[in-house]
Each structure stands twice: as structure tokens, then as C-alpha cells.
C-alpha atoms as a PDB file:
ATOM      1  CA  MET A   1     -30.832 -31.981   4.663  1.00  0.00           C
ATOM      2  CA  PRO A   2     -34.062 -31.164   6.489  1.00  0.00           C
ATOM      3  CA  SER A   3     -36.454 -28.929   4.622  1.00  0.00           C
ATOM      4  CA  ASP A   4     -36.099 -26.019   7.068  1.00  0.00           C
ATOM      5  CA  LYS A   5     -32.293 -26.025   6.705  1.00  0.00           C
ATOM      6  CA  ARG A   6     -32.590 -26.211   2.918  1.00  0.00           C
ATOM      7  CA  ARG A   7     -35.051 -23.325   3.002  1.00  0.00           C
ATOM      8  CA  ARG A   8     -32.684 -21.204   5.111  1.00  0.00           C
ATOM      9  CA  LEU A   9     -29.802 -22.065   2.760  1.00  0.00           C
ATOM     10  CA  LEU A  10     -31.805 -21.050  -0.309  1.00  0.00           C
ATOM     11  CA  LEU A  11     -32.971 -17.882   1.436  1.00  0.00           C
ATOM     12  CA  GLY A  12     -29.401 -16.967   2.328  1.00  0.00           C
ATOM     13  CA  LEU A  13     -28.211 -17.619  -1.218  1.00  0.00           C
ATOM     14  CA  ALA A  14     -31.083 -15.492  -2.524  1.00  0.00           C
ATOM     15  CA  PHE A  15     -30.008 -12.551  -0.373  1.00  0.00           C
ATOM     16  CA  ALA A  16     -26.366 -13.059  -1.346  1.00  0.00           C
ATOM     17  CA  SER A  17     -27.116 -13.584  -5.029  1.00  0.00           C
ATOM     18  CA  PRO A  18     -26.579  -9.921  -6.081  1.00  0.00           C
ATOM     19  CA  TRP A  19     -23.065 -10.006  -4.631  1.00  0.00           C
ATOM     20  CA  LEU A  20     -22.368 -13.496  -5.983  1.00  0.00           C
ATOM     21  CA  LEU A  21     -23.555 -12.490  -9.437  1.00  0.00           C
ATOM     22  CA  GLY A  22     -21.552  -9.275  -9.335  1.00  0.00           C
ATOM     23  CA  PHE A  23     -18.444 -11.155  -8.219  1.00  0.00           C
ATOM     24  CA  ALA A  24     -18.818 -13.728 -10.990  1.00  0.00           C
ATOM     25  CA  LEU A  25     -19.342 -11.130 -13.721  1.00  0.00           C
ATOM     26  CA  LEU A  26     -17.109  -8.267 -12.583  1.00  0.00           C
ATOM     27  CA  ILE A  27     -14.300 -10.042 -10.696  1.00  0.00           C
ATOM     28  CA  GLY A  28     -14.272 -13.796 -11.241  1.00  0.00           C
ATOM     29  CA  GLY A  29     -14.819 -13.550 -14.984  1.00  0.00           C
ATOM     30  CA  PRO A  30     -12.061 -10.975 -15.630  1.00  0.00           C
ATOM     31  CA  ILE A  31      -9.657 -12.962 -13.444  1.00  0.00           C
ATOM     32  CA  LEU A  32     -10.191 -16.082 -15.539  1.00  0.00           C
ATOM     33  CA  ALA A  33     -10.007 -14.033 -18.746  1.00  0.00           C
ATOM     34  CA  SER A  34      -6.684 -12.513 -17.718  1.00  0.00           C
ATOM     35  CA  ALA A  35      -5.298 -15.989 -17.062  1.00  0.00           C
ATOM     36  CA  VAL A  36      -6.225 -16.969 -20.614  1.00  0.00           C
ATOM     37  CA  TYR A  37      -4.929 -13.711 -22.126  1.00  0.00           C
ATOM     38  CA  SER A  38      -1.586 -14.138 -20.324  1.00  0.00           C
ATOM     39  CA  LEU A  39      -0.946 -17.074 -22.661  1.00  0.00           C
ATOM     40  CA  THR A  40      -1.726 -15.076 -25.794  1.00  0.00           C
ATOM     41  CA  ASP A  41      -0.485 -12.221 -27.951  1.00  0.00           C
ATOM     42  CA  PHE A  42      -3.430  -9.812 -27.703  1.00  0.00           C
ATOM     43  CA  ASN A  43      -3.607  -6.120 -28.640  1.00  0.00           C
ATOM     44  CA  LEU A  44      -7.352  -5.493 -28.021  1.00  0.00           C
ATOM     45  CA  PHE A  45      -8.099  -5.060 -31.745  1.00  0.00           C
ATOM     46  CA  GLN A  46      -7.264  -8.493 -33.134  1.00  0.00           C
ATOM     47  CA  GLU A  47      -8.102 -12.010 -32.115  1.00  0.00           C
ATOM     48  CA  PRO A  48      -5.814 -13.350 -29.352  1.00  0.00           C
ATOM     49  CA  ASN A  49      -3.006 -15.513 -30.676  1.00  0.00           C
ATOM     50  CA  PHE A  50      -1.973 -18.346 -28.362  1.00  0.00           C
ATOM     51  CA  VAL A  51       1.754 -18.155 -27.532  1.00  0.00           C
ATOM     52  CA  GLY A  52       1.972 -20.331 -24.424  1.00  0.00           C
ATOM     53  CA  LEU A  53       4.484 -19.120 -21.842  1.00  0.00           C
ATOM     54  CA  ALA A  54       6.186 -16.679 -24.205  1.00  0.00           C
ATOM     55  CA  ASN A  55       4.962 -13.653 -22.238  1.00  0.00           C
ATOM     56  CA  TYR A  56       6.451 -15.013 -19.037  1.00  0.00           C
ATOM     57  CA  ARG A  57       9.754 -15.800 -20.759  1.00  0.00           C
ATOM     58  CA  GLU A  58       9.830 -12.284 -22.204  1.00  0.00           C
ATOM     59  CA  MET A  59       9.838 -10.843 -18.678  1.00  0.00           C
ATOM     60  CA  LEU A  60      13.182 -12.483 -17.951  1.00  0.00           C
ATOM     61  CA  GLY A  61      14.901 -10.309 -20.553  1.00  0.00           C
ATOM     62  CA  ASP A  62      12.827  -7.155 -20.071  1.00  0.00           C
ATOM     63  CA  GLU A  63      15.009  -4.526 -18.386  1.00  0.00           C
ATOM     64  CA  ARG A  64      12.080  -2.222 -17.605  1.00  0.00           C
ATOM     65  CA  PHE A  65      10.248  -5.131 -15.973  1.00  0.00           C
ATOM     66  CA  TRP A  66      13.152  -5.703 -13.587  1.00  0.00           C
ATOM     67  CA  LYS A  67      13.520  -1.953 -13.055  1.00  0.00           C
ATOM     68  CA  SER A  68       9.858  -1.629 -12.082  1.00  0.00           C
ATOM     69  CA  LEU A  69      10.144  -4.663  -9.826  1.00  0.00           C
ATOM     70  CA  ALA A  70      13.229  -3.238  -8.098  1.00  0.00           C
ATOM     71  CA  ASN A  71      11.561   0.159  -7.609  1.00  0.00           C
ATOM     72  CA  THR A  72       8.451  -1.447  -6.128  1.00  0.00           C
ATOM     73  CA  ALA A  73      10.501  -3.694  -3.853  1.00  0.00           C
ATOM     74  CA  TRP A  74      12.473  -0.655  -2.616  1.00  0.00           C
ATOM     75  CA  LEU A  75       9.338   1.331  -1.888  1.00  0.00           C
ATOM     76  CA  THR A  76       7.757  -1.627  -0.096  1.00  0.00           C
ATOM     77  CA  ALA A  77      10.830  -2.501   1.978  1.00  0.00           C
ATOM     78  CA  ILE A  78      11.296   1.092   3.143  1.00  0.00           C
ATOM     79  CA  GLY A  79       7.771   2.459   3.033  1.00  0.00           C
ATOM     80  CA  VAL A  80       5.940  -0.218   5.003  1.00  0.00           C
ATOM     81  CA  PRO A  81       8.190  -0.182   8.118  1.00  0.00           C
ATOM     82  CA  LEU A  82       8.361   3.611   7.952  1.00  0.00           C
ATOM     83  CA  SER A  83       4.583   3.955   7.823  1.00  0.00           C
ATOM     84  CA  LEU A  84       4.152   1.490  10.707  1.00  0.00           C
ATOM     85  CA  VAL A  85       6.578   3.397  12.927  1.00  0.00           C
ATOM     86  CA  LEU A  86       5.124   6.794  12.057  1.00  0.00           C
ATOM     87  CA  SER A  87       1.545   5.576  12.475  1.00  0.00           C
ATOM     88  CA  LEU A  88       2.248   4.075  15.888  1.00  0.00           C
ATOM     89  CA  GLY A  89       4.125   7.172  17.025  1.00  0.00           C
ATOM     90  CA  CYS A  90       1.340   9.436  15.824  1.00  0.00           C
ATOM     91  CA  ALA A  91      -1.285   7.251  17.518  1.00  0.00           C
ATOM     92  CA  MET A  92       0.595   7.418  20.822  1.00  0.00           C
ATOM     93  CA  LEU A  93       0.689  11.210  20.593  1.00  0.00           C
ATOM     94  CA  LEU A  94      -3.018  11.333  19.786  1.00  0.00           C
ATOM     95  CA  ASN A  95      -3.686   9.128  22.811  1.00  0.00           C
ATOM     96  CA  LEU A  96      -2.210  11.661  25.224  1.00  0.00           C
ATOM     97  CA  PRO A  97      -4.760  13.404  27.476  1.00  0.00           C
ATOM     98  CA  VAL A  98      -4.300  16.956  26.207  1.00  0.00           C
ATOM     99  CA  ARG A  99      -6.723  19.775  25.493  1.00  0.00           C
ATOM    100  CA  GLY A 100      -7.995  19.818  21.936  1.00  0.00           C
ATOM    101  CA  GLN A 101      -7.437  16.099  21.453  1.00  0.00           C
ATOM    102  CA  PRO A 102     -10.447  15.608  19.096  1.00  0.00           C
ATOM    103  CA  LEU A 103      -9.218  18.462  16.896  1.00  0.00           C
ATOM    104  CA  PHE A 104      -5.726  16.962  16.605  1.00  0.00           C
ATOM    105  CA  ARG A 105      -7.207  13.589  15.657  1.00  0.00           C
ATOM    106  CA  ALA A 106      -9.378  15.193  12.986  1.00  0.00           C
ATOM    107  CA  VAL A 107      -6.406  17.083  11.533  1.00  0.00           C
ATOM    108  CA  VAL A 108      -4.316  13.894  11.316  1.00  0.00           C
ATOM    109  CA  TYR A 109      -7.127  11.966   9.655  1.00  0.00           C
ATOM    110  CA  LEU A 110      -8.114  14.756   7.245  1.00  0.00           C
ATOM    111  CA  PRO A 111      -5.538  13.963   4.485  1.00  0.00           C
ATOM    112  CA  THR A 112      -6.936  10.450   4.059  1.00  0.00           C
ATOM    113  CA  ILE A 113     -10.345  11.721   2.921  1.00  0.00           C
ATOM    114  CA  LEU A 114      -8.947  14.062   0.271  1.00  0.00           C
ATOM    115  CA  PRO A 115      -8.833  12.819  -3.359  1.00  0.00           C
ATOM    116  CA  ILE A 116      -5.455  11.233  -3.991  1.00  0.00           C
ATOM    117  CA  VAL A 117      -5.137  12.866  -7.420  1.00  0.00           C
ATOM    118  CA  VAL A 118      -5.571  16.326  -5.919  1.00  0.00           C
ATOM    119  CA  THR A 119      -3.118  15.704  -3.087  1.00  0.00           C
ATOM    120  CA  THR A 120      -0.533  14.269  -5.495  1.00  0.00           C
ATOM    121  CA  TYR A 121      -0.596  17.383  -7.665  1.00  0.00           C
ATOM    122  CA  VAL A 122      -0.342  19.537  -4.547  1.00  0.00           C
ATOM    123  CA  TRP A 123       2.745  17.591  -3.529  1.00  0.00           C
ATOM    124  CA  ARG A 124       4.211  18.042  -7.014  1.00  0.00           C
ATOM    125  CA  TRP A 125       4.005  21.762  -6.408  1.00  0.00           C
ATOM    126  CA  LEU A 126       5.332  21.521  -2.839  1.00  0.00           C
ATOM    127  CA  MET A 127       8.369  19.466  -3.939  1.00  0.00           C
ATOM    128  CA  ASN A 128       9.236  21.627  -6.933  1.00  0.00           C
ATOM    129  CA  ALA A 129      12.979  22.235  -6.824  1.00  0.00           C
ATOM    130  CA  GLN A 130      12.686  25.935  -7.767  1.00  0.00           C
ATOM    131  CA  TYR A 131       9.688  27.288  -5.862  1.00  0.00           C
ATOM    132  CA  GLY A 132       8.384  24.426  -3.738  1.00  0.00           C
ATOM    133  CA  TYR A 133       7.727  25.038  -0.056  1.00  0.00           C
ATOM    134  CA  VAL A 134       9.501  21.842   1.029  1.00  0.00           C
ATOM    135  CA  ASN A 135      12.882  23.142  -0.130  1.00  0.00           C
ATOM    136  CA  GLU A 136      12.040  26.621   1.133  1.00  0.00           C
ATOM    137  CA  VAL A 137      11.419  25.256   4.627  1.00  0.00           C
ATOM    138  CA  ALA A 138      14.655  23.278   4.380  1.00  0.00           C
ATOM    139  CA  GLY A 139      16.462  26.514   3.523  1.00  0.00           C
ATOM    140  CA  TRP A 140      15.190  28.112   6.740  1.00  0.00           C
ATOM    141  CA  ILE A 141      17.282  25.638   8.755  1.00  0.00           C
ATOM    142  CA  GLY A 142      20.325  25.899   6.504  1.00  0.00           C
ATOM    143  CA  LEU A 143      19.712  22.829   4.342  1.00  0.00           C
ATOM    144  CA  GLU A 144      19.851  22.756   0.570  1.00  0.00           C
ATOM    145  CA  GLY A 145      16.774  20.989  -0.715  1.00  0.00           C
ATOM    146  CA  PRO A 146      17.244  18.387  -3.453  1.00  0.00           C
ATOM    147  CA  ALA A 147      15.554  18.204  -6.827  1.00  0.00           C
ATOM    148  CA  TRP A 148      12.889  15.849  -5.555  1.00  0.00           C
ATOM    149  CA  LEU A 149      11.266  14.991  -8.869  1.00  0.00           C
ATOM    150  CA  GLU A 150      14.237  15.480 -11.206  1.00  0.00           C
ATOM    151  CA  ASP A 151      17.045  13.652  -9.385  1.00  0.00           C
ATOM    152  CA  PRO A 152      16.745   9.826  -9.646  1.00  0.00           C
ATOM    153  CA  SER A 153      18.275   9.525  -6.182  1.00  0.00           C
ATOM    154  CA  TRP A 154      15.419  11.498  -4.596  1.00  0.00           C
ATOM    155  CA  THR A 155      12.324  10.495  -6.556  1.00  0.00           C
ATOM    156  CA  LYS A 156      11.499   7.430  -4.453  1.00  0.00           C
ATOM    157  CA  PRO A 157      12.082   9.313  -1.161  1.00  0.00           C
ATOM    158  CA  ALA A 158       9.661  11.917  -2.537  1.00  0.00           C
ATOM    159  CA  ILE A 159       7.014   9.209  -2.901  1.00  0.00           C
ATOM    160  CA  LEU A 160       7.671   8.048   0.661  1.00  0.00           C
ATOM    161  CA  LEU A 161       7.474  11.623   1.933  1.00  0.00           C
ATOM    162  CA  MET A 162       4.069  12.003   0.369  1.00  0.00           C
ATOM    163  CA  GLY A 163       3.021   8.633   1.783  1.00  0.00           C
ATOM    164  CA  ALA A 164       4.080   9.663   5.292  1.00  0.00           C
ATOM    165  CA  TRP A 165       1.663  12.594   5.042  1.00  0.00           C
ATOM    166  CA  GLY A 166      -1.263  10.199   4.600  1.00  0.00           C
ATOM    167  CA  ILE A 167      -0.876   7.937   7.653  1.00  0.00           C
ATOM    168  CA  GLY A 168      -4.118   9.153   9.215  1.00  0.00           C
ATOM    169  CA  SER A 169      -6.165   5.999   8.682  1.00  0.00           C
ATOM    170  CA  SER A 170      -3.477   3.656  10.001  1.00  0.00           C
ATOM    171  CA  SER A 171      -2.897   5.998  12.945  1.00  0.00           C
ATOM    172  CA  VAL A 172      -6.594   5.820  13.832  1.00  0.00           C
ATOM    173  CA  VAL A 173      -6.465   2.013  13.730  1.00  0.00           C
ATOM    174  CA  TYR A 174      -3.444   2.011  16.029  1.00  0.00           C
ATOM    175  CA  LEU A 175      -5.172   4.522  18.284  1.00  0.00           C
ATOM    176  CA  ALA A 176      -8.128   2.172  18.671  1.00  0.00           C
ATOM    177  CA  ALA A 177      -5.732  -0.659  19.540  1.00  0.00           C
ATOM    178  CA  LEU A 178      -3.924   1.462  22.140  1.00  0.00           C
ATOM    179  CA  ARG A 179      -7.167   2.440  23.826  1.00  0.00           C
ATOM    180  CA  ASP A 180      -8.161  -1.215  23.957  1.00  0.00           C
ATOM    181  CA  VAL A 181      -5.143  -2.174  26.100  1.00  0.00           C
ATOM    182  CA  PRO A 182      -6.399  -2.665  29.692  1.00  0.00           C
ATOM    183  CA  ARG A 183      -5.191   0.080  32.015  1.00  0.00           C
ATOM    184  CA  GLU A 184      -4.759  -2.512  34.769  1.00  0.00           C
ATOM    185  CA  TYR A 185      -1.673  -3.892  33.046  1.00  0.00           C
ATOM    186  CA  TYR A 186       0.070  -0.519  33.132  1.00  0.00           C
ATOM    187  CA  GLU A 187      -0.900   0.079  36.756  1.00  0.00           C
ATOM    188  CA  ALA A 188       0.444  -3.330  37.785  1.00  0.00           C
ATOM    189  CA  ALA A 189       3.668  -2.682  35.871  1.00  0.00           C
ATOM    190  CA  LYS A 190       4.118   0.673  37.608  1.00  0.00           C
ATOM    191  CA  VAL A 191       3.707  -1.003  40.988  1.00  0.00           C
ATOM    192  CA  ASP A 192       6.445  -3.463  39.996  1.00  0.00           C
ATOM    193  CA  GLY A 193       8.729  -0.544  39.140  1.00  0.00           C
ATOM    194  CA  ALA A 194       8.606  -0.827  35.319  1.00  0.00           C
ATOM    195  CA  GLY A 195       9.620   2.321  33.483  1.00  0.00           C
ATOM    196  CA  ALA A 196       7.956   3.881  30.433  1.00  0.00           C
ATOM    197  CA  TRP A 197      10.126   2.032  27.919  1.00  0.00           C
ATOM    198  CA  SER A 198       9.657  -1.285  29.707  1.00  0.00           C
ATOM    199  CA  ARG A 199       5.870  -0.811  29.764  1.00  0.00           C
ATOM    200  CA  PHE A 200       5.884   0.030  26.080  1.00  0.00           C
ATOM    201  CA  ARG A 201       8.051  -2.960  25.127  1.00  0.00           C
ATOM    202  CA  ARG A 202       6.436  -5.573  27.366  1.00  0.00           C
ATOM    203  CA  ILE A 203       2.803  -4.450  27.386  1.00  0.00           C
ATOM    204  CA  THR A 204       1.955  -2.057  24.551  1.00  0.00           C
ATOM    205  CA  LEU A 205       3.799  -3.725  21.690  1.00  0.00           C
ATOM    206  CA  PRO A 206       2.647  -7.307  22.463  1.00  0.00           C
ATOM    207  CA  MET A 207      -0.963  -6.233  22.997  1.00  0.00           C
ATOM    208  CA  ILE A 208      -1.204  -4.443  19.647  1.00  0.00           C
ATOM    209  CA  THR A 209       0.553  -7.106  17.557  1.00  0.00           C
ATOM    210  CA  PRO A 210      -2.754  -8.316  16.008  1.00  0.00           C
ATOM    211  CA  VAL A 211      -3.333  -4.806  14.688  1.00  0.00           C
ATOM    212  CA  THR A 212       0.293  -4.600  13.573  1.00  0.00           C
ATOM    213  CA  LEU A 213      -0.231  -7.797  11.576  1.00  0.00           C
ATOM    214  CA  PHE A 214      -3.262  -6.255   9.881  1.00  0.00           C
ATOM    215  CA  GLN A 215      -1.380  -3.023   9.148  1.00  0.00           C
ATOM    216  CA  LEU A 216       1.619  -4.954   7.828  1.00  0.00           C
ATOM    217  CA  VAL A 217      -0.403  -7.102   5.428  1.00  0.00           C
ATOM    218  CA  THR A 218      -2.502  -4.225   4.091  1.00  0.00           C
ATOM    219  CA  GLY A 219       0.565  -1.989   3.829  1.00  0.00           C
ATOM    220  CA  VAL A 220       2.558  -4.554   1.853  1.00  0.00           C
ATOM    221  CA  ILE A 221      -0.344  -5.157  -0.526  1.00  0.00           C
ATOM    222  CA  ALA A 222      -0.851  -1.408  -1.013  1.00  0.00           C
ATOM    223  CA  TYR A 223       2.828  -0.712  -1.759  1.00  0.00           C
ATOM    224  CA  LEU A 224       3.151  -3.686  -4.109  1.00  0.00           C
ATOM    225  CA  GLN A 225       0.264  -2.226  -6.113  1.00  0.00           C
ATOM    226  CA  ILE A 226       1.249   1.447  -5.808  1.00  0.00           C
ATOM    227  CA  PHE A 227       0.293   3.328  -8.956  1.00  0.00           C
ATOM    228  CA  THR A 228      -1.380   6.727  -8.639  1.00  0.00           C
ATOM    229  CA  GLN A 229       1.327   8.618  -6.735  1.00  0.00           C
ATOM    230  CA  PRO A 230       4.348   7.658  -8.896  1.00  0.00           C
ATOM    231  CA  PHE A 231       2.260   7.844 -12.071  1.00  0.00           C
ATOM    232  CA  LEU A 232       1.213  11.445 -11.433  1.00  0.00           C
ATOM    233  CA  LEU A 233       4.524  12.568  -9.971  1.00  0.00           C
ATOM    234  CA  ALA A 234       6.398  11.221 -13.002  1.00  0.00           C
ATOM    235  CA  GLN A 235       4.187  12.947 -15.591  1.00  0.00           C
ATOM    236  CA  THR A 236       5.709  15.606 -17.831  1.00  0.00           C
ATOM    237  CA  ARG A 237       4.307  17.523 -20.770  1.00  0.00           C
ATOM    238  CA  LEU A 238       6.565  15.693 -23.201  1.00  0.00           C
ATOM    239  CA  ASN A 239       6.075  12.255 -21.646  1.00  0.00           C
ATOM    240  CA  PRO A 240       2.785  11.912 -19.730  1.00  0.00           C
ATOM    241  CA  THR A 241       3.225   8.144 -19.297  1.00  0.00           C
ATOM    242  CA  GLY A 242       6.918   7.975 -18.408  1.00  0.00           C
ATOM    243  CA  GLY A 243       8.548   6.568 -15.324  1.00  0.00           C
ATOM    244  CA  GLY A 244      10.384   9.652 -14.146  1.00  0.00           C
ATOM    245  CA  PRO A 245      14.097  10.380 -14.556  1.00  0.00           C
ATOM    246  CA  ASP A 246      15.932   7.167 -15.408  1.00  0.00           C
ATOM    247  CA  ASP A 247      12.649   5.298 -14.752  1.00  0.00           C
ATOM    248  CA  SER A 248      13.289   5.817 -11.046  1.00  0.00           C
ATOM    249  CA  MET A 249       9.556   6.149 -10.327  1.00  0.00           C
ATOM    250  CA  LEU A 250       8.437   3.324 -12.600  1.00  0.00           C
ATOM    251  CA  SER A 251       6.423   1.059 -10.308  1.00  0.00           C
ATOM    252  CA  TYR A 252       5.282  -2.415 -11.248  1.00  0.00           C
ATOM    253  CA  SER A 253       1.654  -1.349 -11.651  1.00  0.00           C
ATOM    254  CA  MET A 254       2.733   1.619 -13.794  1.00  0.00           C
ATOM    255  CA  TYR A 255       4.626  -0.626 -16.184  1.00  0.00           C
ATOM    256  CA  LEU A 256       1.694  -3.044 -16.263  1.00  0.00           C
ATOM    257  CA  PHE A 257      -0.611  -0.140 -17.154  1.00  0.00           C
ATOM    258  CA  GLN A 258       1.767   1.046 -19.894  1.00  0.00           C
ATOM    259  CA  ASN A 259       1.928  -2.387 -21.479  1.00  0.00           C
ATOM    260  CA  ALA A 260      -1.848  -2.757 -21.429  1.00  0.00           C
ATOM    261  CA  PHE A 261      -3.049   0.694 -22.527  1.00  0.00           C
ATOM    262  CA  VAL A 262      -0.043   2.453 -24.091  1.00  0.00           C
ATOM    263  CA  TYR A 263       1.780  -0.355 -25.902  1.00  0.00           C
ATOM    264  CA  LEU A 264      -1.451  -2.412 -26.283  1.00  0.00           C
ATOM    265  CA  LYS A 265       0.343  -5.587 -25.155  1.00  0.00           C
ATOM    266  CA  MET A 266      -2.635  -6.927 -23.227  1.00  0.00           C
ATOM    267  CA  GLY A 267      -1.310 -10.478 -23.122  1.00  0.00           C
ATOM    268  CA  TYR A 268       1.986  -9.352 -21.622  1.00  0.00           C
ATOM    269  CA  ALA A 269       0.168  -7.102 -19.147  1.00  0.00           C
ATOM    270  CA  SER A 270      -2.049 -10.003 -18.092  1.00  0.00           C
ATOM    271  CA  ALA A 271       1.022 -12.133 -17.480  1.00  0.00           C
ATOM    272  CA  MET A 272       2.501  -9.332 -15.360  1.00  0.00           C
ATOM    273  CA  ALA A 273      -0.747  -9.132 -13.400  1.00  0.00           C
ATOM    274  CA  TRP A 274      -0.548 -12.842 -12.569  1.00  0.00           C
ATOM    275  CA  VAL A 275       3.082 -12.532 -11.509  1.00  0.00           C
ATOM    276  CA  LEU A 276       2.040  -9.691  -9.210  1.00  0.00           C
ATOM    277  CA  PHE A 277      -0.866 -11.725  -7.852  1.00  0.00           C
ATOM    278  CA  VAL A 278       1.234 -14.814  -7.133  1.00  0.00           C
ATOM    279  CA  GLY A 279       4.042 -12.727  -5.614  1.00  0.00           C
ATOM    280  CA  THR A 280       1.647 -10.789  -3.386  1.00  0.00           C
ATOM    281  CA  LEU A 281      -0.050 -14.014  -2.316  1.00  0.00           C
ATOM    282  CA  ALA A 282       3.295 -15.618  -1.456  1.00  0.00           C
ATOM    283  CA  ILE A 283       4.532 -12.630   0.565  1.00  0.00           C
ATOM    284  CA  THR A 284       1.218 -12.379   2.414  1.00  0.00           C
ATOM    285  CA  ALA A 285       1.321 -16.102   3.203  1.00  0.00           C
ATOM    286  CA  VAL A 286       4.852 -15.770   4.625  1.00  0.00           C
ATOM    287  CA  ILE A 287       3.771 -12.857   6.830  1.00  0.00           C
ATOM    288  CA  VAL A 288       0.681 -14.679   8.096  1.00  0.00           C
ATOM    289  CA  LEU A 289       2.620 -17.881   8.806  1.00  0.00           C
ATOM    290  CA  SER A 290       5.351 -15.947  10.617  1.00  0.00           C
ATOM    291  CA  ALA A 291       2.674 -14.304  12.783  1.00  0.00           C
ATOM    292  CA  ARG A 292       2.598 -17.410  14.949  1.00  0.00           C
ATOM    293  CA  ARG A 293       5.973 -16.358  16.349  1.00  0.00           C
ATOM    294  CA  TRP A 294       5.332 -12.703  17.115  1.00  0.00           C
ATOM    295  CA  VAL A 295       1.579 -12.021  17.246  1.00  0.00           C
ATOM    296  CA  HIS A 296       0.110 -12.309  20.748  1.00  0.00           C
ATOM    297  CA  TYR A 297      -3.577 -12.408  21.557  1.00  0.00           C
ATOM    298  CA  GLY A 298      -2.913 -11.977  25.274  1.00  0.00           C
ATOM    299  CA  LEU A 299       0.002 -11.371  27.612  1.00  0.00           C
ATOM    300  CA  ARG A 300       2.075 -14.429  28.467  1.00  0.00           C
END
């Protein structure tokens, strides 16, 4: 390698060295440590005891593990498509040329900059079965509001309802994609006699599929790792680390946290973390590979 290229390489590595060092110490090191701990019986206070694949075999007979996995899969399967549809619909409304458009966009985006802990406790109050405003508003139109946080059938919809309130960031991303679609395509389609639905299906949707792919991947990863909302919504005075009624709000990350810091089963929690990592990686790979069939980087 010529000396000037070697000098530029060393200079680049020197500038990147703080990040590389931080990654090695704060991310790469703990990742490798968790892989080792997943093969041990470790409670944070004693030396790790090597047990091989015992932690992984224990998952097969752990009912709460499968319950948390089922809850997380349900939230992901319902929450991700719901958030995509709501975000796109909201972005299309925000793209309309109406007076006060900047104000509407700011209002939609505002919930995403609020602390998630604060907003979760606000939603706990709003969805209270006795005095919450959600059920009170439902009563105005003749509907009987459910016990959102006490009925196992409604706890996961309560999480999705709270999630739908925070679609501001994804709506802004979709809004940017909509404004990037060339107006000439719509004008040509109108000349050809295409209606609003036809223009949306044949122009808008194909042109924003790259953004949809991004939203889909990030949404799936976020829901697979969901923790704060169900953790805080499920808290009670008698059981601050529970999973809600009948463990209906016990997400995978919640159960991982409980094993690590409540039951002090750090080896088992590390094994769960690797199962989550491999599962997330596999699902993401399937989505990215399938993108060849439905993601368009230009009209055909």
C-alpha cells in the first residue's frame, strides 16, 4: 500500500478510534460476555458455573417463557401493520394543503418527544376502568368501556392503543416520502383518467415502498424488544414486577429483565437474550430478502 494511502487509513482509524474503542468496551465486550454467561449458571454474586446448553433446554419447559413469547408475537403481528397503516394515513392527512398545516404536524409529532415513562403513567390514568377518560368518552357514544388494565382480554389492546398515540415520528418519515414523489406522475395519471384510488395504488404505494421497508424493519425490531410500556402498565403496589393479569402483558424483554434482576438468573437471561437476537436477526433477514419482490426504487 502506498505511503499516502496508509497515512490516510491510519488517520481515519485515529478519528474513528473513540467510537471503535467505545464499541469494543461497551457493546462488543458485553455481547461476548453474554454469550459465555448463557452457558453458565450465574447469579451475579458467585462464580459462573458452566452448564452447557442447560439454559436453552430449560426454556422448552418454561411456561412463562412461552407466554412472554406469545404475547410479544401477538403485539408484533398486530401492532406493526396497525402502526404502518395509521402512520401512512396520518402522513397523507398532514400532506393536504390546508391552513395551519405546520401546527397540525407539530401536534402529531409532539408525543414522540415526551418521556415514555411519563406518557405511560398518563395512559394508565386515562385507561383506568373507574375514572379514566377513555371509558368516559366511550360512554358519551353509548359504549361500555372495558377494564383495560385488569381484563386479560384487553391488556394487549391497551398497549396497542398507547402505541397508536405515538406514531408521530413514523408519520413524519412517511410525510417526507410522500413529498418526494414527483408531481408529474400524478398529473400524467390524471390525464389518463386514473382516479384517486388508482393513483394511490399504482403511484403512491410503489414509490414509498423503500420507506415502508425501513418502517417495517424498525417497527418489528421495536415491538420484539418492547419493554417500558407493558412493564409500567402492569405494575401494581403488591407486585411491581408482575406481568399483568394472567401474565397477559408479560413481554419477552420483561421476562428477560425479571430473570436477570429479580430472580438473579443471569445465565438464563443471557440465553434468552441470544434467542431474541437470533430470532430478530432471522425475521429481519426474511423481510429484507422478501423486499426484492415488493420494494420498488422507481416506477415500472
